[in-house]
Amino acid sequence: MDNKELVLKAITAVFIDRDITAFEKYFGDHYIQHNPAIPNGTDALKQLLPLLPADFGYEPGVITENGNIVMIHGRYTNWNGKNMIGVDIFRVENGKIREHWDVLQEEVTAENSANGNSMFPI
């Protein structure tokens, strides 16, 4: 499995399937987190999953890979009451996700944007 496939399987298992065992399968020991609201390791993420609302959703979009770095452009539905568009960046080492960065912004529909373009692939 290449790095892009690994990350897509991991994020699908976590945010779509809400599978807590995905952290053991796909994430490495001493997982480093760069989102300032989430501590290092996977424990906080394991605790977060059951708290997500029933109508929470994740939709992966464009995914790209450059060596051991994989980036996914995705849509988070009902993330703290808002729809968010994000780019999640992962560093993969020895077949495990070892590090994560993200950039998130609230989704603005095409009808409400200055340019008429959507923020996420249709």
Protein backbone atom coordinates (compact mmCIF):
# COMPACT_ATOMS: atom_id res chain seq x y z
CA MET A 1 0.00 0.00 0.00
CA ASP A 2 1.41 3.40 -0.95
CA ASN A 3 1.31 6.40 1.39
CA LYS A 4 -1.66 8.01 -0.36
CA GLU A 5 -3.73 4.84 -0.06
CA LEU A 6 -2.73 4.42 3.60
CA VAL A 7 -3.80 7.97 4.53
CA LEU A 8 -7.08 7.72 2.63
CA LYS A 9 -7.89 4.43 4.37
CA ALA A 10 -6.98 5.93 7.75
CA ILE A 11 -9.00 9.13 7.43
CA THR A 12 -11.96 7.18 6.01
CA ALA A 13 -11.82 4.72 8.91
CA VAL A 14 -11.59 7.51 11.49
CA PHE A 15 -14.03 10.13 10.18
CA ILE A 16 -16.46 8.14 8.04
CA ASP A 17 -16.52 4.72 9.71
CA ARG A 18 -15.68 6.13 13.18
CA ASP A 19 -13.53 3.08 13.79
CA ILE A 20 -11.46 3.54 16.96
CA THR A 21 -9.25 0.57 15.97
CA ALA A 22 -8.00 2.61 12.99
CA PHE A 23 -5.59 4.39 15.33
CA GLU A 24 -3.79 1.11 16.10
CA LYS A 25 -3.79 0.08 12.41
CA TYR A 26 -2.69 3.29 10.73
CA PHE A 27 -1.11 5.66 13.28
CA GLY A 28 2.36 5.30 14.72
CA ASP A 29 3.53 5.48 18.29
CA HIS A 30 4.41 9.01 19.42
CA TYR A 31 2.04 10.55 16.85
CA ILE A 32 2.83 14.27 16.54
CA GLN A 33 -0.13 16.66 16.22
CA HIS A 34 0.26 20.26 14.99
CA ASN A 35 -3.37 21.35 15.43
CA PRO A 36 -3.05 23.62 18.51
CA ALA A 37 -6.36 22.38 19.95
CA ILE A 38 -5.37 18.68 20.00
CA PRO A 39 -2.55 17.15 22.07
CA ASN A 40 0.07 14.77 20.69
CA GLY A 41 -0.78 11.08 20.56
CA THR A 42 -4.06 9.48 19.52
CA ASP A 43 -5.86 9.39 22.89
CA ALA A 44 -7.63 12.74 22.40
CA LEU A 45 -8.81 11.69 18.94
CA LYS A 46 -10.10 8.39 20.30
CA GLN A 47 -12.11 10.33 22.88
CA LEU A 48 -13.38 12.80 20.27
CA LEU A 49 -14.89 10.27 17.85
CA PRO A 50 -17.79 9.12 20.06
CA LEU A 51 -18.66 12.77 20.78
CA LEU A 52 -19.17 13.72 17.15
CA PRO A 53 -22.82 14.47 16.35
CA ALA A 54 -24.86 11.88 14.44
CA ASP A 55 -24.97 14.16 11.39
CA PHE A 56 -21.20 14.77 11.34
CA GLY A 57 -19.67 13.80 8.04
CA TYR A 58 -16.40 13.80 6.17
CA GLU A 59 -15.94 13.81 2.42
CA PRO A 60 -12.44 13.40 0.97
CA GLY A 61 -11.67 15.38 -2.15
CA VAL A 62 -8.36 15.90 -3.90
CA ILE A 63 -5.52 13.85 -2.48
CA THR A 64 -1.88 14.26 -3.42
CA GLU A 65 1.38 12.66 -2.36
CA ASN A 66 4.96 13.89 -2.41
CA GLY A 67 7.28 11.26 -0.97
CA ASN A 68 6.26 10.67 2.63
CA ILE A 69 3.89 13.68 2.74
CA VAL A 70 0.21 13.21 1.82
CA MET A 71 -2.38 16.00 1.63
CA ILE A 72 -6.16 15.63 1.46
CA HIS A 73 -8.57 18.45 0.67
CA GLY A 74 -11.80 17.52 2.44
CA ARG A 75 -15.17 18.71 3.70
CA TYR A 76 -16.18 18.31 7.35
CA THR A 77 -19.94 18.56 7.82
CA ASN A 78 -21.15 19.79 11.22
CA TRP A 79 -17.70 20.23 12.76
CA ASN A 80 -18.61 22.17 15.91
CA GLY A 81 -21.82 23.28 14.23
CA LYS A 82 -20.20 24.48 11.00
CA ASN A 83 -19.25 23.02 7.66
CA MET A 84 -15.50 23.29 7.26
CA ILE A 85 -13.18 22.85 4.31
CA GLY A 86 -9.75 21.61 5.24
CA VAL A 87 -6.43 20.45 4.00
CA ASP A 88 -5.00 17.72 6.19
CA ILE A 89 -1.29 17.09 5.80
CA PHE A 90 0.22 13.82 7.01
CA ARG A 91 3.78 12.56 7.30
CA VAL A 92 4.06 8.80 6.84
CA GLU A 93 6.98 6.75 8.07
CA ASN A 94 7.39 2.98 7.89
CA GLY A 95 3.76 2.42 6.89
CA LYS A 96 2.25 4.50 9.73
CA ILE A 97 0.99 8.06 10.04
CA ARG A 98 3.49 9.82 12.30
CA GLU A 99 2.58 13.50 12.06
CA HIS A 100 -0.39 15.75 11.15
CA TRP A 101 -1.00 19.39 10.25
CA ASP A 102 -4.25 20.97 9.11
CA VAL A 103 -5.66 24.16 7.70
CA LEU A 104 -9.41 24.67 8.23
CA GLN A 105 -11.82 27.37 7.16
CA GLU A 106 -15.57 27.70 7.32
CA GLU A 107 -17.22 26.74 4.05
CA VAL A 108 -18.79 29.53 2.00
CA THR A 109 -21.19 28.40 -0.70
CA ALA A 110 -20.57 29.42 -4.32
CA GLU A 111 -23.67 31.62 -4.18
CA ASN A 112 -22.18 33.56 -1.27
CA SER A 113 -18.61 33.86 -2.52
CA ALA A 114 -17.25 36.95 -4.27
CA ASN A 115 -16.14 34.83 -7.25
CA GLY A 116 -19.06 32.41 -7.56
CA ASN A 117 -16.79 29.41 -7.10
CA SER A 118 -17.29 26.60 -4.59
CA MET A 119 -14.59 25.80 -2.06
CA PHE A 120 -14.86 22.07 -2.59
CA PRO A 121 -15.09 19.85 -5.67
CA ILE A 122 -18.64 18.97 -6.55
